[in-house]
Amino acid sequence: MLALEYRPSLPRYLAARALRGRTEPPLRLIETEPPLPPAPDWVPLAPRLSGICGSDQALLAAGASLYLAPLTSTPFVPGHEIVATVTAGEARGRRVVVQPALGCAPRGLTHPCPECAAGRGALCRAVTEGRVGPGLQIGFCQQTGGGWSEGLIAHRSQLHEVPETLADEEAVLIEPLACALHAVARAALAPEARVAVIGCGTLGLLAIAALRERHPDVSILAVAKHPGQELAARRAGADHVCPPARLHLDGARITGARRLLGPGGRELLLGGFDAVLDCVGSGGSLEGAIGAVRPRGVVALAGMPAALRVDLALAWQREVEIRGAYGYEREFEQALALAPRLKLGRLVAAAFPLREFRRALASAPQEARHGRPKTVFDLRQR
């Protein structure tokens, strides 16, 4: 079968860091055997569509944190946003989406860790133990394979059947929608809260949609870097849209806060938003979020950050709660129920075969600037 294999090296990583990702990605197209199920409760799958996630792009551009390296096993096949067909067993022929987190159940551990016992498998403490090698999730684990291939394996607990009424182009976005729903839950919003969402890529747009569905009375400001994202943000449910440079100016108007301008163009609000969802994960976006949230407000880190230079003085002075938002708890089922209403397929910009992976990776950030942020690999035509 065909697969895209990620094989890291320190010299290539350092070169990519120095050149800000403008190098050949550590990815190669290979012919290989499909991964073998480690136990009878694992299932072989044939991917239909597999998304290119922002975390995948950060990994290939050497933008991912090195703290995450021990939580993977290399070489591995990327791809964790997957709609696939089951190819063997009782469910053969069924379409499924994959919940990729490799918690205690997939690993065959009979005594679940506290996180898995509480339904938080994405935060599993046993990610280096059990039947498969280290890996937070499928797409970062050597033994499971990933969606950027013609075959992978998953534990049956990770599979969710796709309704016939849901197209592949909608189903492939179930995983990021579940992440967005989890980020909204982490923000713990009161009714009629005022919220800013920084970033209008896939996760940002889905977070706006999730906010509007879960909290219909909140006021939402979307911070969109590119003009082409404004319509998509408003369609997702944003009440206001602004570029990053106007976050605090427009935030003062929306929340009634007082805006202060300090040395070096540093901005802050006296007052501000009840919560800010940072769906970018850069030093600038996090500082902007902290400066725009009210005292004891919440900043939810939904975007995947790397090593950042961030001034946290305001987080200290305002007692801001900075909360990570990774993965999901029970949001996969919620995402499947919600997806038909959201018409997720309109976020899919382009589909490429595996052999055109360089063109796909180059296209993904360009398409995102126009409000159609999801580029996918299409494996339906072999």
Protein backbone atom coordinates (compact mmCIF):
# COMPACT_ATOMS: atom_id res chain seq x y z
CA MET A 1 0.00 0.00 0.00
CA LEU A 2 0.98 3.66 -0.40
CA ALA A 3 1.72 5.74 2.68
CA LEU A 4 3.36 9.01 3.62
CA GLU A 5 6.01 8.35 6.26
CA TYR A 6 7.34 10.96 8.68
CA ARG A 7 10.92 10.29 9.74
CA PRO A 8 12.44 13.05 11.87
CA SER A 9 16.09 14.01 12.16
CA LEU A 10 17.70 16.62 14.38
CA PRO A 11 19.75 18.31 11.59
CA ARG A 12 16.64 18.66 9.42
CA TYR A 13 14.66 19.95 12.39
CA LEU A 14 17.29 22.61 13.14
CA ALA A 15 17.46 23.63 9.46
CA ALA A 16 13.69 23.94 9.27
CA ARG A 17 13.65 26.04 12.44
CA ALA A 18 16.33 28.33 11.06
CA LEU A 19 14.49 28.72 7.74
CA ARG A 20 11.03 28.94 9.38
CA GLY A 21 9.80 25.78 7.70
CA ARG A 22 10.86 26.74 4.17
CA THR A 23 12.55 23.40 3.56
CA GLU A 24 11.60 20.01 2.15
CA PRO A 25 9.31 18.38 4.75
CA PRO A 26 10.61 15.20 6.46
CA LEU A 27 8.01 13.18 4.59
CA ARG A 28 8.35 10.54 1.89
CA LEU A 29 5.95 8.44 -0.15
CA ILE A 30 6.60 4.75 0.41
CA GLU A 31 5.22 1.34 -0.52
CA THR A 32 4.69 -0.68 2.65
CA GLU A 33 2.60 -3.44 4.20
CA PRO A 34 -0.55 -2.49 6.10
CA PRO A 35 -0.09 -2.45 9.90
CA LEU A 36 -1.13 -5.63 11.70
CA PRO A 37 -3.81 -5.53 14.42
CA PRO A 38 -2.13 -6.26 17.80
CA ALA A 39 -5.27 -7.94 19.20
CA PRO A 40 -8.68 -9.23 18.00
CA ASP A 41 -10.42 -6.01 19.12
CA TRP A 42 -8.45 -3.97 16.58
CA VAL A 43 -9.90 -3.32 13.13
CA PRO A 44 -8.26 -2.69 9.73
CA LEU A 45 -9.44 0.43 7.90
CA ALA A 46 -9.12 1.90 4.42
CA PRO A 47 -9.12 5.73 4.62
CA ARG A 48 -11.49 7.58 2.32
CA LEU A 49 -10.58 11.15 3.20
CA SER A 50 -7.94 12.33 5.66
CA GLY A 51 -7.47 15.93 6.68
CA ILE A 52 -4.31 18.03 6.86
CA CYS A 53 -4.45 19.53 10.36
CA GLY A 54 -2.64 22.61 11.63
CA SER A 55 -0.73 20.38 14.05
CA ASP A 56 0.45 18.26 11.11
CA GLN A 57 1.68 21.36 9.31
CA ALA A 58 3.44 22.59 12.46
CA LEU A 59 5.14 19.21 12.86
CA LEU A 60 6.43 19.20 9.27
CA ALA A 61 7.63 22.81 9.54
CA ALA A 62 9.50 22.08 12.81
CA GLY A 63 7.02 24.21 14.72
CA ALA A 64 5.87 21.54 17.17
CA SER A 65 7.16 21.49 20.74
CA LEU A 66 9.99 19.07 21.48
CA TYR A 67 8.19 18.23 24.73
CA LEU A 68 5.78 16.18 22.60
CA ALA A 69 8.52 14.06 21.00
CA PRO A 70 8.55 11.34 23.73
CA LEU A 71 4.79 11.01 23.22
CA THR A 72 5.28 9.68 19.67
CA SER A 73 6.98 6.64 18.15
CA THR A 74 8.77 7.17 14.85
CA PRO A 75 8.76 6.71 11.96
CA PHE A 76 5.00 7.14 11.72
CA VAL A 77 2.30 7.86 9.16
CA PRO A 78 0.53 11.16 9.96
CA GLY A 79 -3.18 11.78 9.66
CA HIS A 80 -5.68 11.78 12.53
CA GLU A 81 -8.74 13.39 10.89
CA ILE A 82 -10.06 10.27 9.19
CA VAL A 83 -13.21 8.96 7.58
CA ALA A 84 -12.63 5.36 6.52
CA THR A 85 -14.20 2.06 5.49
CA VAL A 86 -13.85 -1.01 7.71
CA THR A 87 -12.18 -3.74 5.64
CA ALA A 88 -12.64 -6.86 7.80
CA GLY A 89 -14.78 -8.38 10.53
CA GLU A 90 -18.45 -7.98 11.39
CA ALA A 91 -18.47 -4.27 10.47
CA ARG A 92 -16.82 -4.77 7.09
CA GLY A 93 -17.98 -2.18 4.55
CA ARG A 94 -19.21 0.34 7.12
CA ARG A 95 -18.10 3.96 6.99
CA VAL A 96 -16.61 5.24 10.23
CA VAL A 97 -14.84 8.25 11.66
CA VAL A 98 -11.88 7.58 13.92
CA GLN A 99 -11.55 8.99 17.40
CA PRO A 100 -7.75 8.89 17.34
CA ALA A 101 -6.75 9.21 21.03
CA LEU A 102 -4.81 6.13 22.16
CA GLY A 103 -5.99 5.72 25.73
CA CYS A 104 -5.97 2.74 28.06
CA ALA A 105 -8.70 0.76 26.22
CA PRO A 106 -6.92 0.68 22.84
CA ARG A 107 -3.70 -0.15 24.63
CA GLY A 108 -5.31 -3.18 26.25
CA LEU A 109 -4.68 -2.02 29.81
CA THR A 110 -7.11 -3.70 32.21
CA HIS A 111 -6.82 -1.03 34.90
CA PRO A 112 -7.53 2.36 33.31
CA CYS A 113 -5.63 5.41 34.48
CA PRO A 114 -7.63 8.09 36.37
CA GLU A 115 -8.11 10.17 33.22
CA CYS A 116 -9.42 7.29 31.12
CA ALA A 117 -11.65 6.15 33.98
CA ALA A 118 -13.19 9.62 33.98
CA GLY A 119 -13.77 9.56 30.20
CA ARG A 120 -10.80 11.76 29.35
CA GLY A 121 -8.90 9.35 27.12
CA ALA A 122 -7.08 12.13 25.26
CA LEU A 123 -5.26 12.89 28.54
CA CYS A 124 -4.28 9.25 29.17
CA ARG A 125 -1.27 8.75 31.45
CA ALA A 126 -0.36 5.45 29.81
CA VAL A 127 0.54 6.78 26.33
CA THR A 128 3.87 4.91 26.34
CA GLU A 129 2.48 1.56 27.53
CA GLY A 130 0.45 -1.38 26.27
CA ARG A 131 -0.07 -3.09 22.93
CA VAL A 132 1.24 -0.26 20.74
CA GLY A 133 4.17 2.10 21.06
CA PRO A 134 4.18 5.64 22.41
CA GLY A 135 1.66 7.94 20.79
CA LEU A 136 -0.96 10.38 21.96
CA GLN A 137 -3.12 9.32 19.06
CA ILE A 138 -3.33 7.56 15.72
CA GLY A 139 -1.29 9.57 13.28
CA PHE A 140 1.60 9.87 15.76
CA CYS A 141 2.18 6.19 16.55
CA GLN A 142 4.40 3.86 14.53
CA GLN A 143 2.31 0.69 14.97
CA THR A 144 -1.14 2.04 14.09
CA GLY A 145 -0.45 3.79 10.82
CA GLY A 146 -2.34 6.97 10.02
CA GLY A 147 -4.81 8.54 7.65
CA TRP A 148 -2.20 9.62 5.11
CA SER A 149 -2.08 6.09 3.74
CA GLU A 150 -4.16 3.40 2.09
CA GLY A 151 -4.51 1.41 5.30
CA LEU A 152 -4.35 1.72 9.09
CA ILE A 153 -5.68 0.02 12.19
CA ALA A 154 -7.82 1.28 15.07
CA HIS A 155 -9.34 -0.17 18.21
CA ARG A 156 -13.06 -0.80 17.91
CA SER A 157 -13.70 1.67 20.76
CA GLN A 158 -12.27 4.41 18.54
CA LEU A 159 -14.80 3.93 15.73
CA HIS A 160 -18.02 5.87 15.22
CA GLU A 161 -20.33 4.85 12.39
CA VAL A 162 -21.13 7.62 9.91
CA PRO A 163 -24.83 8.12 9.05
CA GLU A 164 -25.66 7.62 5.39
CA THR A 165 -26.87 11.21 5.20
CA LEU A 166 -23.42 12.57 6.09
CA ALA A 167 -21.01 12.97 3.16
CA ASP A 168 -17.33 12.09 3.49
CA GLU A 169 -16.46 15.78 3.20
CA GLU A 170 -18.52 16.45 6.32
CA ALA A 171 -17.44 13.35 8.22
CA VAL A 172 -13.74 14.17 7.85
CA LEU A 173 -14.34 17.28 9.99
CA ILE A 174 -15.93 15.43 12.92
CA GLU A 175 -12.60 15.17 14.78
CA PRO A 176 -11.76 18.91 14.67
CA LEU A 177 -15.39 19.74 15.48
CA ALA A 178 -15.12 17.56 18.60
CA CYS A 179 -11.96 19.49 19.53
CA ALA A 180 -13.81 22.78 19.06
CA LEU A 181 -16.71 21.62 21.24
CA HIS A 182 -14.22 20.63 23.92
CA ALA A 183 -12.51 24.04 23.78
CA VAL A 184 -15.87 25.74 24.24
CA ALA A 185 -16.62 23.50 27.22
CA ARG A 186 -13.24 24.37 28.76
CA ALA A 187 -14.11 28.06 28.58
CA ALA A 188 -17.01 27.43 31.03
CA LEU A 189 -19.13 30.32 29.77
CA ALA A 190 -22.04 32.00 31.49
CA PRO A 191 -25.14 32.95 29.47
CA GLU A 192 -24.70 36.14 27.45
CA ALA A 193 -20.93 36.07 27.88
CA ARG A 194 -18.71 38.12 25.58
CA VAL A 195 -16.15 35.97 23.80
CA ALA A 196 -13.33 36.56 21.34
CA VAL A 197 -12.02 33.81 19.05
CA ILE A 198 -8.52 34.47 17.73
CA GLY A 199 -7.86 32.70 14.43
CA CYS A 200 -10.24 31.70 11.64
CA GLY A 201 -8.65 28.53 10.35
CA THR A 202 -10.46 25.21 10.71
CA LEU A 203 -10.42 25.16 14.51
CA GLY A 204 -11.36 28.83 14.86
CA LEU A 205 -14.33 28.60 12.51
CA LEU A 206 -15.54 25.41 14.16
CA ALA A 207 -15.12 27.00 17.59
CA ILE A 208 -17.33 29.91 16.48
CA ALA A 209 -19.97 27.45 15.24
CA ALA A 210 -19.72 25.44 18.47
CA LEU A 211 -20.08 28.61 20.56
CA ARG A 212 -23.18 29.64 18.65
CA GLU A 213 -24.74 26.19 19.04
CA ARG A 214 -23.90 25.69 22.70
CA HIS A 215 -24.40 29.29 23.85
CA PRO A 216 -26.79 31.05 21.45
CA ASP A 217 -26.86 34.27 23.48
CA VAL A 218 -23.12 34.93 23.65
CA SER A 219 -21.53 37.82 21.76
CA ILE A 220 -18.68 36.62 19.53
CA LEU A 221 -15.83 38.64 18.06
CA ALA A 222 -13.81 36.68 15.48
CA VAL A 223 -10.23 37.80 14.88
CA ALA A 224 -9.38 36.96 11.25
CA LYS A 225 -5.91 37.59 9.86
CA HIS A 226 -6.98 37.41 6.21
CA PRO A 227 -9.84 39.34 4.56
CA GLY A 228 -11.09 36.20 2.82
CA GLN A 229 -11.95 34.66 6.21
CA GLU A 230 -14.51 37.30 7.23
CA LEU A 231 -17.48 35.80 5.38
CA ALA A 232 -16.70 32.32 6.71
CA ALA A 233 -16.52 33.67 10.27
CA ARG A 234 -19.87 35.45 9.97
CA ARG A 235 -21.43 32.37 8.37
CA ALA A 236 -20.18 30.29 11.30
CA GLY A 237 -21.93 32.62 13.75
CA ALA A 238 -19.62 35.54 14.61
CA ASP A 239 -21.35 38.82 15.48
CA HIS A 240 -18.24 40.90 14.75
CA VAL A 241 -15.04 40.30 12.78
CA CYS A 242 -11.80 42.26 12.95
CA PRO A 243 -8.14 41.86 11.98
CA PRO A 244 -5.61 41.11 14.76
CA ALA A 245 -4.48 44.74 14.96
CA ARG A 246 -8.00 45.81 16.00
CA LEU A 247 -8.65 43.18 18.69
CA HIS A 248 -8.35 45.63 21.59
CA LEU A 249 -9.88 48.60 19.78
CA ASP A 250 -12.98 46.66 18.73
CA GLY A 251 -12.94 44.75 22.01
CA ALA A 252 -13.26 48.00 23.95
CA ARG A 253 -16.26 48.99 21.87
CA ILE A 254 -17.98 45.61 22.20
CA THR A 255 -17.36 45.08 25.93
CA GLY A 256 -17.43 48.68 27.16
CA ALA A 257 -13.88 48.33 28.46
CA ARG A 258 -11.27 51.07 28.51
CA ARG A 259 -8.36 50.56 26.11
CA LEU A 260 -4.85 51.51 27.19
CA LEU A 261 -1.84 51.84 24.89
CA GLY A 262 1.61 51.36 26.38
CA PRO A 263 5.25 51.42 25.25
CA GLY A 264 6.04 49.49 22.09
CA GLY A 265 2.40 49.43 21.01
CA ARG A 266 1.33 47.11 23.84
CA GLU A 267 -2.43 47.19 24.27
CA LEU A 268 -4.70 46.10 27.09
CA LEU A 269 -8.29 46.46 28.14
CA LEU A 270 -9.48 47.54 31.57
CA GLY A 271 -12.40 45.16 31.60
CA GLY A 272 -12.67 43.08 28.45
CA PHE A 273 -14.00 39.72 27.29
CA ASP A 274 -15.23 37.03 29.64
CA ALA A 275 -13.25 34.49 27.65
CA VAL A 276 -10.88 34.35 24.71
CA LEU A 277 -10.29 31.20 22.65
CA ASP A 278 -6.80 31.28 21.17
CA CYS A 279 -7.01 29.08 18.07
CA VAL A 280 -3.60 30.16 16.74
CA GLY A 281 -1.09 29.27 19.44
CA SER A 282 1.55 31.94 18.80
CA GLY A 283 3.24 34.29 21.24
CA GLY A 284 1.40 37.23 19.73
CA SER A 285 -2.01 35.58 19.87
CA LEU A 286 -1.58 34.54 23.50
CA GLU A 287 -0.40 38.00 24.58
CA GLY A 288 -3.31 39.54 22.68
CA ALA A 289 -5.74 37.18 24.41
CA ILE A 290 -4.39 37.95 27.88
CA GLY A 291 -4.57 41.68 27.21
CA ALA A 292 -8.17 41.43 25.99
CA VAL A 293 -9.71 39.27 28.74
CA ARG A 294 -11.22 40.68 31.93
CA PRO A 295 -9.76 40.00 35.39
CA ARG A 296 -10.30 36.35 36.31
CA GLY A 297 -11.48 35.68 32.79
CA VAL A 298 -10.52 32.54 30.87
CA VAL A 299 -8.05 32.14 28.02
CA ALA A 300 -8.53 28.72 26.40
CA LEU A 301 -5.54 27.47 24.41
CA ALA A 302 -7.22 25.63 21.56
CA GLY A 303 -4.45 26.09 19.01
CA MET A 304 -1.31 23.97 19.25
CA PRO A 305 1.50 26.16 20.65
CA ALA A 306 5.20 25.54 20.18
CA ALA A 307 7.98 27.19 22.21
CA LEU A 308 6.76 30.76 22.68
CA ARG A 309 8.10 34.06 24.00
CA VAL A 310 5.18 35.48 25.99
CA ASP A 311 4.91 38.30 28.51
CA LEU A 312 2.65 36.92 31.25
CA ALA A 313 2.62 40.02 33.47
CA LEU A 314 -1.06 40.71 32.80
CA ALA A 315 -2.01 37.07 33.40
CA TRP A 316 -0.44 37.41 36.84
CA GLN A 317 -1.84 40.86 37.62
CA ARG A 318 -5.38 39.97 36.51
CA GLU A 319 -5.45 36.41 37.86
CA VAL A 320 -6.33 35.18 34.38
CA GLU A 321 -7.09 31.48 34.04
CA ILE A 322 -5.11 29.99 31.15
CA ARG A 323 -6.64 26.61 30.29
CA GLY A 324 -5.42 24.06 27.83
CA ALA A 325 -8.00 22.53 25.51
CA TYR A 326 -6.73 19.32 23.97
CA GLY A 327 -8.74 16.53 22.41
CA TYR A 328 -12.20 15.69 23.70
CA GLU A 329 -14.14 13.89 26.40
CA ARG A 330 -17.55 12.84 25.10
CA GLU A 331 -17.71 15.41 22.32
CA PHE A 332 -17.34 12.94 19.42
CA GLU A 333 -20.95 11.83 19.73
CA GLN A 334 -22.02 15.47 20.05
CA ALA A 335 -20.06 16.37 16.92
CA LEU A 336 -21.73 13.61 14.91
CA ALA A 337 -25.16 14.80 16.02
CA LEU A 338 -24.35 18.44 15.27
CA ALA A 339 -22.55 18.01 11.93
CA PRO A 340 -25.59 17.79 9.61
CA ARG A 341 -26.82 21.23 10.72
CA LEU A 342 -23.45 22.92 10.25
CA LYS A 343 -22.85 21.90 6.61
CA LEU A 344 -19.19 21.22 7.34
CA GLY A 345 -18.38 20.23 3.77
CA ARG A 346 -18.22 23.89 2.73
CA LEU A 347 -14.99 24.18 4.74
CA VAL A 348 -13.23 21.62 2.54
CA ALA A 349 -11.25 23.47 -0.10
CA ALA A 350 -9.39 20.86 -2.11
CA ALA A 351 -8.63 17.15 -2.24
CA PHE A 352 -5.37 15.59 -3.43
CA PRO A 353 -4.09 12.06 -3.99
CA LEU A 354 -1.18 10.96 -1.79
CA ARG A 355 1.26 11.23 -4.69
CA GLU A 356 0.62 14.97 -4.81
CA PHE A 357 1.42 15.54 -1.15
CA ARG A 358 3.83 18.41 -1.81
CA ARG A 359 1.15 20.31 -3.71
CA ALA A 360 -1.40 19.51 -1.02
CA LEU A 361 0.83 20.81 1.77
CA ALA A 362 1.60 23.97 -0.20
CA SER A 363 -2.08 24.52 -0.99
CA ALA A 364 -3.43 24.08 2.55
CA PRO A 365 -2.33 27.43 4.06
CA GLN A 366 -3.27 29.30 0.88
CA GLU A 367 -6.81 27.92 0.88
CA ALA A 368 -7.20 28.67 4.59
CA ARG A 369 -6.73 32.38 3.89
CA HIS A 370 -9.85 32.33 1.73
CA GLY A 371 -12.15 30.87 4.38
CA ARG A 372 -12.08 27.26 3.15
CA PRO A 373 -9.44 25.98 5.55
CA LYS A 374 -9.52 22.22 5.19
CA THR A 375 -7.38 20.48 2.59
CA VAL A 376 -7.67 16.68 2.49
CA PHE A 377 -6.08 13.63 0.95
CA ASP A 378 -8.59 11.68 -1.13
CA LEU A 379 -8.01 7.93 -1.11
CA ARG A 380 -11.33 6.86 -2.60
CA GLN A 381 -9.81 6.51 -6.09
CA ARG A 382 -6.95 4.01 -5.90
